């Protein structure tokens, strides 16, 4: 039985725990203080009996084989210092800055951990099309609906949020994996718009990420043929009381790690993140 420790009272609970419990060879341990949240969520209440609890972070780490760290980016460093010889998934971004992410990367490696992050787009159907298409021009529009909490860290660049660091970083990781280089970037976080232009040989990938009241995820080729037209990269948007739409891709990530076949270019992604920020601020 593989014991998975979940540290984080948000996506760690409603994203990772349902995914992990799909596999009967896994058990979950999380912090006792999250128990009331688990019982309050309809999609988690039936699985509550399968979840074990520990009194603090040290107990979770000590009793886990795989650790999910899904906290705010600024919380991660102090927790990472406690982890040795484990498999570890840190939700992206792993720190609020590329410099901080590089420190965390080096610490986890020096302490014998196998480090992964929550990059799951490669498990989605449209990724295969993106990887193998012969189209020379690809246009992606990703419209994101903001939550009602405008003060959330997810919208604050200083805390590791914002269009580039929280959303665009998924595509920085894909660009690294697929051999694209960044040609141009335009970031107007205050206006809610990010434009990225990547190139690989003759292929061009133009990506726009923006805030909107009507969430959308579209992929078109150079002839304006619609490849994907849906509400989010994962299909539908999450619905209250229903399993999160990202659960299937998290299942694939955890299984990939279990098999030892998960390859993520984290260090190169951090480098591209850093250079993208520099270019955006010029």
C-alpha atoms as a PDB file:
ATOM      1  CA  UNK A   1       0.000   0.000   0.000  1.00  0.00           C
ATOM      2  CA  UNK A   2       1.395   3.381  -1.043  1.00  0.00           C
ATOM      3  CA  UNK A   3       0.653   6.133   1.478  1.00  0.00           C
ATOM      4  CA  UNK A   4       0.088   9.566  -0.048  1.00  0.00           C
ATOM      5  CA  UNK A   5       0.341  12.575   2.239  1.00  0.00           C
ATOM      6  CA  UNK A   6      -1.657  15.624   1.183  1.00  0.00           C
ATOM      7  CA  UNK A   7      -0.624  19.018   2.569  1.00  0.00           C
ATOM      8  CA  UNK A   8      -2.979  21.782   1.491  1.00  0.00           C
ATOM      9  CA  UNK A   9      -6.599  22.559   2.265  1.00  0.00           C
ATOM     10  CA  UNK A  10      -7.741  23.668  -1.200  1.00  0.00           C
ATOM     11  CA  UNK A  11      -6.935  21.839  -4.438  1.00  0.00           C
ATOM     12  CA  UNK A  12      -5.072  19.231  -2.406  1.00  0.00           C
ATOM     13  CA  UNK A  13      -8.424  18.141  -0.968  1.00  0.00           C
ATOM     14  CA  UNK A  14     -10.853  18.480  -3.886  1.00  0.00           C
ATOM     15  CA  UNK A  15      -8.358  17.730  -6.655  1.00  0.00           C
ATOM     16  CA  UNK A  16      -5.707  15.319  -5.453  1.00  0.00           C
ATOM     17  CA  UNK A  17      -7.550  13.265  -2.812  1.00  0.00           C
ATOM     18  CA  UNK A  18     -10.379  12.122  -5.170  1.00  0.00           C
ATOM     19  CA  UNK A  19      -7.777  11.249  -7.802  1.00  0.00           C
ATOM     20  CA  UNK A  20      -5.605   9.256  -5.405  1.00  0.00           C
ATOM     21  CA  UNK A  21      -8.532   7.296  -3.982  1.00  0.00           C
ATOM     22  CA  UNK A  22      -9.439   6.040  -7.464  1.00  0.00           C
ATOM     23  CA  UNK A  23      -6.599   3.557  -7.002  1.00  0.00           C
ATOM     24  CA  UNK A  24      -7.193   0.966  -4.268  1.00  0.00           C
ATOM     25  CA  UNK A  25      -3.445   0.486  -3.793  1.00  0.00           C
ATOM     26  CA  UNK A  26      -3.194   4.018  -2.361  1.00  0.00           C
ATOM     27  CA  UNK A  27      -4.198   5.363   1.025  1.00  0.00           C
ATOM     28  CA  UNK A  28      -4.357   9.034   2.018  1.00  0.00           C
ATOM     29  CA  UNK A  29      -3.193  10.861   5.096  1.00  0.00           C
ATOM     30  CA  UNK A  30      -3.804  14.566   5.551  1.00  0.00           C
ATOM     31  CA  UNK A  31      -3.946  17.108   8.348  1.00  0.00           C
ATOM     32  CA  UNK A  32      -6.590  16.644  11.009  1.00  0.00           C
ATOM     33  CA  UNK A  33      -7.553  20.322  10.684  1.00  0.00           C
ATOM     34  CA  UNK A  34      -8.901  19.590   7.174  1.00  0.00           C
ATOM     35  CA  UNK A  35     -11.396  17.014   8.417  1.00  0.00           C
ATOM     36  CA  UNK A  36     -14.299  19.459   8.620  1.00  0.00           C
ATOM     37  CA  UNK A  37     -13.650  20.648   5.048  1.00  0.00           C
ATOM     38  CA  UNK A  38     -13.683  17.087   3.768  1.00  0.00           C
ATOM     39  CA  UNK A  39     -17.012  16.341   5.446  1.00  0.00           C
ATOM     40  CA  UNK A  40     -18.483  19.586   4.119  1.00  0.00           C
ATOM     41  CA  UNK A  41     -17.737  18.771   0.469  1.00  0.00           C
ATOM     42  CA  UNK A  42     -20.329  16.487  -1.077  1.00  0.00           C
ATOM     43  CA  UNK A  43     -17.875  14.924  -3.536  1.00  0.00           C
ATOM     44  CA  UNK A  44     -15.519  13.988  -0.678  1.00  0.00           C
ATOM     45  CA  UNK A  45     -17.925  12.939   2.064  1.00  0.00           C
ATOM     46  CA  UNK A  46     -18.358   9.364   0.747  1.00  0.00           C
ATOM     47  CA  UNK A  47     -14.593   8.851   0.700  1.00  0.00           C
ATOM     48  CA  UNK A  48     -14.039  10.374   4.135  1.00  0.00           C
ATOM     49  CA  UNK A  49     -13.830   6.954   5.793  1.00  0.00           C
ATOM     50  CA  UNK A  50     -10.804   6.110   3.609  1.00  0.00           C
ATOM     51  CA  UNK A  51      -8.812   9.137   4.740  1.00  0.00           C
ATOM     52  CA  UNK A  52      -6.421   9.077   7.703  1.00  0.00           C
ATOM     53  CA  UNK A  53      -5.303  12.125   9.654  1.00  0.00           C
ATOM     54  CA  UNK A  54      -2.168  13.437  11.302  1.00  0.00           C
ATOM     55  CA  UNK A  55      -1.805  16.241  13.811  1.00  0.00           C
ATOM     56  CA  UNK A  56       0.940  18.202  12.001  1.00  0.00           C
ATOM     57  CA  UNK A  57       3.014  18.470   8.820  1.00  0.00           C
ATOM     58  CA  UNK A  58       5.911  16.478  10.291  1.00  0.00           C
ATOM     59  CA  UNK A  59       3.624  13.507  10.969  1.00  0.00           C
ATOM     60  CA  UNK A  60       2.257  13.626   7.413  1.00  0.00           C
ATOM     61  CA  UNK A  61       5.771  13.665   5.951  1.00  0.00           C
ATOM     62  CA  UNK A  62       7.040  10.893   8.239  1.00  0.00           C
ATOM     63  CA  UNK A  63       4.213   8.509   7.338  1.00  0.00           C
ATOM     64  CA  UNK A  64       4.037   9.123   3.564  1.00  0.00           C
ATOM     65  CA  UNK A  65       5.718   7.569   0.536  1.00  0.00           C
ATOM     66  CA  UNK A  66       4.461  10.249  -1.876  1.00  0.00           C
ATOM     67  CA  UNK A  67       3.741  13.801  -0.718  1.00  0.00           C
ATOM     68  CA  UNK A  68       1.413  16.290  -2.387  1.00  0.00           C
ATOM     69  CA  UNK A  69       2.281  19.865  -1.445  1.00  0.00           C
ATOM     70  CA  UNK A  70      -0.576  22.109  -2.560  1.00  0.00           C
ATOM     71  CA  UNK A  71      -0.048  25.243  -0.524  1.00  0.00           C
ATOM     72  CA  UNK A  72       0.552  28.858  -1.477  1.00  0.00           C
ATOM     73  CA  UNK A  73       3.919  29.171  -3.265  1.00  0.00           C
ATOM     74  CA  UNK A  74       5.379  31.297  -0.471  1.00  0.00           C
ATOM     75  CA  UNK A  75       4.674  28.476   2.031  1.00  0.00           C
ATOM     76  CA  UNK A  76       6.625  25.795   0.202  1.00  0.00           C
ATOM     77  CA  UNK A  77      10.265  26.410   1.111  1.00  0.00           C
ATOM     78  CA  UNK A  78       9.982  25.812   4.853  1.00  0.00           C
ATOM     79  CA  UNK A  79       8.012  22.587   4.291  1.00  0.00           C
ATOM     80  CA  UNK A  80      10.409  21.321   1.612  1.00  0.00           C
ATOM     81  CA  UNK A  81      13.303  21.620   4.075  1.00  0.00           C
ATOM     82  CA  UNK A  82      11.629  18.885   6.171  1.00  0.00           C
ATOM     83  CA  UNK A  83      11.295  16.329   3.342  1.00  0.00           C
ATOM     84  CA  UNK A  84      13.945  13.673   2.645  1.00  0.00           C
ATOM     85  CA  UNK A  85      13.997  10.653   0.315  1.00  0.00           C
ATOM     86  CA  UNK A  86      10.381  10.982  -0.848  1.00  0.00           C
ATOM     87  CA  UNK A  87       8.473  11.349  -4.079  1.00  0.00           C
ATOM     88  CA  UNK A  88       7.100  14.869  -4.027  1.00  0.00           C
ATOM     89  CA  UNK A  89       4.551  16.729  -6.151  1.00  0.00           C
ATOM     90  CA  UNK A  90       4.496  20.490  -5.593  1.00  0.00           C
ATOM     91  CA  UNK A  91       1.604  22.309  -7.223  1.00  0.00           C
ATOM     92  CA  UNK A  92       2.705  24.968  -9.696  1.00  0.00           C
ATOM     93  CA  UNK A  93       4.229  27.417  -9.359  1.00  0.00           C
ATOM     94  CA  UNK A  94       6.537  25.810  -6.831  1.00  0.00           C
ATOM     95  CA  UNK A  95       7.607  29.242  -5.578  1.00  0.00           C
ATOM     96  CA  UNK A  96       6.531  32.844  -6.067  1.00  0.00           C
ATOM     97  CA  UNK A  97       9.645  33.620  -8.148  1.00  0.00           C
ATOM     98  CA  UNK A  98      11.933  31.666 -10.502  1.00  0.00           C
ATOM     99  CA  UNK A  99      14.825  32.273  -8.073  1.00  0.00           C
ATOM    100  CA  UNK A 100      12.811  30.762  -5.231  1.00  0.00           C
ATOM    101  CA  UNK A 101      11.760  27.852  -7.443  1.00  0.00           C
ATOM    102  CA  UNK A 102      15.393  27.150  -8.290  1.00  0.00           C
ATOM    103  CA  UNK A 103      16.286  27.062  -4.590  1.00  0.00           C
ATOM    104  CA  UNK A 104      13.455  24.602  -3.885  1.00  0.00           C
ATOM    105  CA  UNK A 105      14.501  22.473  -6.873  1.00  0.00           C
ATOM    106  CA  UNK A 106      18.093  22.238  -5.621  1.00  0.00           C
ATOM    107  CA  UNK A 107      17.089  21.529  -2.007  1.00  0.00           C
ATOM    108  CA  UNK A 108      14.720  18.713  -2.964  1.00  0.00           C
ATOM    109  CA  UNK A 109      17.359  17.089  -5.152  1.00  0.00           C
ATOM    110  CA  UNK A 110      20.086  17.400  -2.512  1.00  0.00           C
ATOM    111  CA  UNK A 111      17.799  15.741   0.053  1.00  0.00           C
ATOM    112  CA  UNK A 112      17.190  12.720  -2.155  1.00  0.00           C
ATOM    113  CA  UNK A 113      13.645  13.547  -3.238  1.00  0.00           C
ATOM    114  CA  UNK A 114      12.078  12.901  -6.641  1.00  0.00           C
ATOM    115  CA  UNK A 115      10.437  16.212  -7.509  1.00  0.00           C
ATOM    116  CA  UNK A 116       7.447  16.724  -9.810  1.00  0.00           C
ATOM    117  CA  UNK A 117       4.947  19.519 -10.305  1.00  0.00           C
ATOM    118  CA  UNK A 118       1.267  19.695 -11.241  1.00  0.00           C
ATOM    119  CA  UNK A 119       1.775  20.000 -15.005  1.00  0.00           C
ATOM    120  CA  UNK A 120      -1.030  17.873 -16.417  1.00  0.00           C
ATOM    121  CA  UNK A 121      -1.825  19.327 -19.862  1.00  0.00           C
ATOM    122  CA  UNK A 122       0.155  16.548 -21.551  1.00  0.00           C
ATOM    123  CA  UNK A 123      -2.480  14.053 -20.364  1.00  0.00           C
ATOM    124  CA  UNK A 124      -5.267  15.853 -22.256  1.00  0.00           C
ATOM    125  CA  UNK A 125      -6.434  14.793 -25.718  1.00  0.00           C
ATOM    126  CA  UNK A 126      -5.608  18.076 -27.464  1.00  0.00           C
ATOM    127  CA  UNK A 127      -1.975  17.787 -26.362  1.00  0.00           C
ATOM    128  CA  UNK A 128      -1.489  14.839 -28.725  1.00  0.00           C
ATOM    129  CA  UNK A 129      -2.769  16.944 -31.608  1.00  0.00           C
ATOM    130  CA  UNK A 130      -0.418  19.769 -30.585  1.00  0.00           C
ATOM    131  CA  UNK A 131       2.524  17.364 -30.434  1.00  0.00           C
ATOM    132  CA  UNK A 132       2.008  15.661 -33.782  1.00  0.00           C
ATOM    133  CA  UNK A 133       0.262  18.238 -35.957  1.00  0.00           C
ATOM    134  CA  UNK A 134       1.918  19.369 -39.169  1.00  0.00           C
ATOM    135  CA  UNK A 135       0.090  22.701 -39.022  1.00  0.00           C
ATOM    136  CA  UNK A 136       2.608  25.528 -39.359  1.00  0.00           C
ATOM    137  CA  UNK A 137       0.537  28.016 -37.371  1.00  0.00           C
ATOM    138  CA  UNK A 138      -1.424  27.237 -34.218  1.00  0.00           C
ATOM    139  CA  UNK A 139      -3.601  29.757 -32.423  1.00  0.00           C
ATOM    140  CA  UNK A 140      -4.758  29.147 -28.845  1.00  0.00           C
ATOM    141  CA  UNK A 141      -7.156  31.404 -26.949  1.00  0.00           C
ATOM    142  CA  UNK A 142      -7.699  30.691 -23.260  1.00  0.00           C
ATOM    143  CA  UNK A 143     -10.286  32.873 -21.552  1.00  0.00           C
ATOM    144  CA  UNK A 144     -10.400  32.459 -17.778  1.00  0.00           C
ATOM    145  CA  UNK A 145     -13.216  33.558 -15.508  1.00  0.00           C
ATOM    146  CA  UNK A 146     -11.981  35.143 -12.313  1.00  0.00           C
ATOM    147  CA  UNK A 147     -13.355  33.941  -9.005  1.00  0.00           C
ATOM    148  CA  UNK A 148     -15.299  36.318  -6.797  1.00  0.00           C
ATOM    149  CA  UNK A 149     -12.252  36.703  -4.561  1.00  0.00           C
ATOM    150  CA  UNK A 150     -10.147  39.309  -6.386  1.00  0.00           C
ATOM    151  CA  UNK A 151      -7.719  39.354  -3.448  1.00  0.00           C
ATOM    152  CA  UNK A 152      -6.712  35.715  -3.997  1.00  0.00           C
ATOM    153  CA  UNK A 153      -2.962  35.068  -4.274  1.00  0.00           C
ATOM    154  CA  UNK A 154      -3.684  33.483  -7.663  1.00  0.00           C
ATOM    155  CA  UNK A 155      -4.018  36.980  -9.129  1.00  0.00           C
ATOM    156  CA  UNK A 156      -0.958  38.456  -7.369  1.00  0.00           C
ATOM    157  CA  UNK A 157       2.383  38.268  -9.170  1.00  0.00           C
ATOM    158  CA  UNK A 158       4.227  38.970  -5.903  1.00  0.00           C
ATOM    159  CA  UNK A 159       2.716  35.802  -4.422  1.00  0.00           C
ATOM    160  CA  UNK A 160       3.324  33.597  -7.462  1.00  0.00           C
ATOM    161  CA  UNK A 161       0.001  34.270  -9.168  1.00  0.00           C
ATOM    162  CA  UNK A 162      -1.012  36.174 -12.284  1.00  0.00           C
ATOM    163  CA  UNK A 163      -1.588  35.236 -15.896  1.00  0.00           C
ATOM    164  CA  UNK A 164       1.990  34.169 -16.600  1.00  0.00           C
ATOM    165  CA  UNK A 165       3.009  32.509 -13.346  1.00  0.00           C
ATOM    166  CA  UNK A 166      -0.205  30.686 -12.466  1.00  0.00           C
ATOM    167  CA  UNK A 167      -1.770  29.983 -15.887  1.00  0.00           C
ATOM    168  CA  UNK A 168       0.803  30.608 -18.607  1.00  0.00           C
ATOM    169  CA  UNK A 169       3.408  28.473 -16.836  1.00  0.00           C
ATOM    170  CA  UNK A 170       1.496  25.396 -18.044  1.00  0.00           C
ATOM    171  CA  UNK A 171       2.387  26.392 -21.600  1.00  0.00           C
ATOM    172  CA  UNK A 172       5.960  27.313 -20.711  1.00  0.00           C
ATOM    173  CA  UNK A 173       6.306  23.708 -19.556  1.00  0.00           C
ATOM    174  CA  UNK A 174       4.687  22.404 -22.763  1.00  0.00           C
ATOM    175  CA  UNK A 175       6.952  24.619 -24.871  1.00  0.00           C
ATOM    176  CA  UNK A 176      10.008  23.102 -23.177  1.00  0.00           C
ATOM    177  CA  UNK A 177       8.686  19.547 -23.628  1.00  0.00           C
ATOM    178  CA  UNK A 178       7.785  20.082 -27.303  1.00  0.00           C
ATOM    179  CA  UNK A 179      10.958  21.936 -28.246  1.00  0.00           C
ATOM    180  CA  UNK A 180       9.464  25.394 -28.790  1.00  0.00           C
ATOM    181  CA  UNK A 181      11.405  28.572 -28.039  1.00  0.00           C
ATOM    182  CA  UNK A 182       9.869  31.836 -26.919  1.00  0.00           C
ATOM    183  CA  UNK A 183       9.922  34.498 -29.643  1.00  0.00           C
ATOM    184  CA  UNK A 184       7.824  37.235 -28.110  1.00  0.00           C
ATOM    185  CA  UNK A 185       5.780  37.977 -25.007  1.00  0.00           C
ATOM    186  CA  UNK A 186       3.364  40.737 -24.083  1.00  0.00           C
ATOM    187  CA  UNK A 187       2.003  40.816 -20.546  1.00  0.00           C
ATOM    188  CA  UNK A 188      -0.560  43.320 -19.354  1.00  0.00           C
ATOM    189  CA  UNK A 189      -1.588  41.728 -16.075  1.00  0.00           C
ATOM    190  CA  UNK A 190      -3.425  44.848 -14.952  1.00  0.00           C
ATOM    191  CA  UNK A 191      -5.515  44.718 -18.159  1.00  0.00           C
ATOM    192  CA  UNK A 192      -5.920  40.946 -17.894  1.00  0.00           C
ATOM    193  CA  UNK A 193      -4.084  39.882 -21.075  1.00  0.00           C
ATOM    194  CA  UNK A 194      -1.039  37.727 -21.840  1.00  0.00           C
ATOM    195  CA  UNK A 195       0.236  36.988 -25.364  1.00  0.00           C
ATOM    196  CA  UNK A 196       2.986  34.459 -26.070  1.00  0.00           C
ATOM    197  CA  UNK A 197       4.566  33.570 -29.415  1.00  0.00           C
ATOM    198  CA  UNK A 198       6.573  30.342 -29.639  1.00  0.00           C
ATOM    199  CA  UNK A 199       8.415  28.794 -32.581  1.00  0.00           C
ATOM    200  CA  UNK A 200       9.795  25.337 -33.370  1.00  0.00           C
ATOM    201  CA  UNK A 201      11.331  25.051 -36.844  1.00  0.00           C
ATOM    202  CA  UNK A 202       8.597  26.209 -39.228  1.00  0.00           C
ATOM    203  CA  UNK A 203       5.887  25.856 -36.603  1.00  0.00           C
ATOM    204  CA  UNK A 204       4.473  28.899 -34.835  1.00  0.00           C
ATOM    205  CA  UNK A 205       2.339  28.748 -31.703  1.00  0.00           C
ATOM    206  CA  UNK A 206       0.462  31.909 -30.735  1.00  0.00           C
ATOM    207  CA  UNK A 207      -1.180  31.848 -27.324  1.00  0.00           C
ATOM    208  CA  UNK A 208      -3.461  34.436 -25.730  1.00  0.00           C
ATOM    209  CA  UNK A 209      -4.577  34.103 -22.107  1.00  0.00           C
ATOM    210  CA  UNK A 210      -7.054  36.603 -20.713  1.00  0.00           C
ATOM    211  CA  UNK A 211      -9.716  37.143 -18.078  1.00  0.00           C
ATOM    212  CA  UNK A 212     -13.310  37.051 -19.279  1.00  0.00           C
ATOM    213  CA  UNK A 213     -16.852  36.558 -18.023  1.00  0.00           C
ATOM    214  CA  UNK A 214     -17.319  33.692 -20.508  1.00  0.00           C
ATOM    215  CA  UNK A 215     -14.600  31.049 -20.036  1.00  0.00           C
ATOM    216  CA  UNK A 216     -13.331  29.473 -23.235  1.00  0.00           C
ATOM    217  CA  UNK A 217     -10.473  27.360 -24.577  1.00  0.00           C
ATOM    218  CA  UNK A 218     -10.006  27.341 -28.355  1.00  0.00           C
ATOM    219  CA  UNK A 219      -7.373  25.880 -30.663  1.00  0.00           C
ATOM    220  CA  UNK A 220      -7.363  26.779 -34.376  1.00  0.00           C
ATOM    221  CA  UNK A 221      -4.904  26.027 -37.175  1.00  0.00           C
ATOM    222  CA  UNK A 222      -3.619  28.474 -39.795  1.00  0.00           C
ATOM    223  CA  UNK A 223      -6.665  27.845 -42.002  1.00  0.00           C
ATOM    224  CA  UNK A 224      -8.896  28.791 -39.066  1.00  0.00           C
ATOM    225  CA  UNK A 225     -10.096  25.203 -38.706  1.00  0.00           C
ATOM    226  CA  UNK A 226     -11.422  24.668 -35.180  1.00  0.00           C
ATOM    227  CA  UNK A 227      -9.503  21.897 -33.419  1.00  0.00           C
ATOM    228  CA  UNK A 228     -10.856  22.500 -29.904  1.00  0.00           C
ATOM    229  CA  UNK A 229     -13.694  24.723 -28.714  1.00  0.00           C
ATOM    230  CA  UNK A 230     -14.676  24.182 -25.094  1.00  0.00           C
ATOM    231  CA  UNK A 231     -14.936  25.962 -21.745  1.00  0.00           C
ATOM    232  CA  UNK A 232     -11.496  25.155 -20.354  1.00  0.00           C
ATOM    233  CA  UNK A 233      -8.407  23.099 -21.241  1.00  0.00           C
ATOM    234  CA  UNK A 234     -10.101  20.255 -19.344  1.00  0.00           C
ATOM    235  CA  UNK A 235     -13.469  20.535 -21.089  1.00  0.00           C
ATOM    236  CA  UNK A 236     -16.112  21.835 -18.734  1.00  0.00           C
ATOM    237  CA  UNK A 237     -15.503  24.213 -15.844  1.00  0.00           C
ATOM    238  CA  UNK A 238     -15.614  22.800 -12.282  1.00  0.00           C
ATOM    239  CA  UNK A 239     -19.121  22.550 -10.798  1.00  0.00           C
ATOM    240  CA  UNK A 240     -19.929  22.845  -7.099  1.00  0.00           C
ATOM    241  CA  UNK A 241     -20.638  19.466  -5.521  1.00  0.00           C
ATOM    242  CA  UNK A 242     -19.260  17.502  -8.494  1.00  0.00           C
ATOM    243  CA  UNK A 243     -15.789  15.964  -8.886  1.00  0.00           C
ATOM    244  CA  UNK A 244     -13.319  18.516 -10.211  1.00  0.00           C
ATOM    245  CA  UNK A 245     -12.811  18.217 -13.974  1.00  0.00           C
ATOM    246  CA  UNK A 246      -9.040  18.047 -13.424  1.00  0.00           C
ATOM    247  CA  UNK A 247      -9.223  14.800 -11.441  1.00  0.00           C
ATOM    248  CA  UNK A 248      -8.742  12.538 -14.490  1.00  0.00           C
ATOM    249  CA  UNK A 249      -5.517  14.259 -15.486  1.00  0.00           C
ATOM    250  CA  UNK A 250      -4.227  14.118 -11.904  1.00  0.00           C
ATOM    251  CA  UNK A 251      -4.918  10.372 -11.868  1.00  0.00           C
ATOM    252  CA  UNK A 252      -2.731  10.106 -14.979  1.00  0.00           C
ATOM    253  CA  UNK A 253       0.052  12.170 -13.385  1.00  0.00           C
ATOM    254  CA  UNK A 254       0.108  10.125 -10.170  1.00  0.00           C
ATOM    255  CA  UNK A 255       0.060   6.857 -12.132  1.00  0.00           C
ATOM    256  CA  UNK A 256       2.899   8.105 -14.358  1.00  0.00           C
ATOM    257  CA  UNK A 257       4.947   8.832 -11.231  1.00  0.00           C
ATOM    258  CA  UNK A 258       4.085   5.428  -9.726  1.00  0.00           C
ATOM    259  CA  UNK A 259       5.322   3.648 -12.860  1.00  0.00           C
ATOM    260  CA  UNK A 260       8.520   5.688 -12.891  1.00  0.00           C
ATOM    261  CA  UNK A 261       7.774   7.011 -16.383  1.00  0.00           C
ATOM    262  CA  UNK A 262       6.997  10.634 -15.525  1.00  0.00           C
ATOM    263  CA  UNK A 263       9.499  13.001 -17.122  1.00  0.00           C
ATOM    264  CA  UNK A 264       9.187  16.711 -16.434  1.00  0.00           C
ATOM    265  CA  UNK A 265      11.647  19.378 -17.556  1.00  0.00           C
ATOM    266  CA  UNK A 266      11.278  21.377 -14.352  1.00  0.00           C
ATOM    267  CA  UNK A 267      14.660  23.097 -14.334  1.00  0.00           C
ATOM    268  CA  UNK A 268      14.311  24.224 -17.956  1.00  0.00           C
ATOM    269  CA  UNK A 269      10.744  25.361 -17.260  1.00  0.00           C
ATOM    270  CA  UNK A 270      12.018  27.507 -14.387  1.00  0.00           C
ATOM    271  CA  UNK A 271      14.650  29.029 -16.696  1.00  0.00           C
ATOM    272  CA  UNK A 272      12.040  29.823 -19.353  1.00  0.00           C
ATOM    273  CA  UNK A 273       9.767  31.303 -16.683  1.00  0.00           C
ATOM    274  CA  UNK A 274      12.601  33.587 -15.568  1.00  0.00           C
ATOM    275  CA  UNK A 275      13.481  34.752 -19.084  1.00  0.00           C
ATOM    276  CA  UNK A 276       9.773  35.272 -19.890  1.00  0.00           C
ATOM    277  CA  UNK A 277       9.336  37.558 -16.887  1.00  0.00           C
ATOM    278  CA  UNK A 278      12.398  39.563 -17.873  1.00  0.00           C
ATOM    279  CA  UNK A 279      11.164  39.960 -21.463  1.00  0.00           C
ATOM    280  CA  UNK A 280       7.667  40.918 -20.290  1.00  0.00           C
ATOM    281  CA  UNK A 281       9.021  43.718 -18.091  1.00  0.00           C
ATOM    282  CA  UNK A 282      11.159  45.329 -20.802  1.00  0.00           C
END
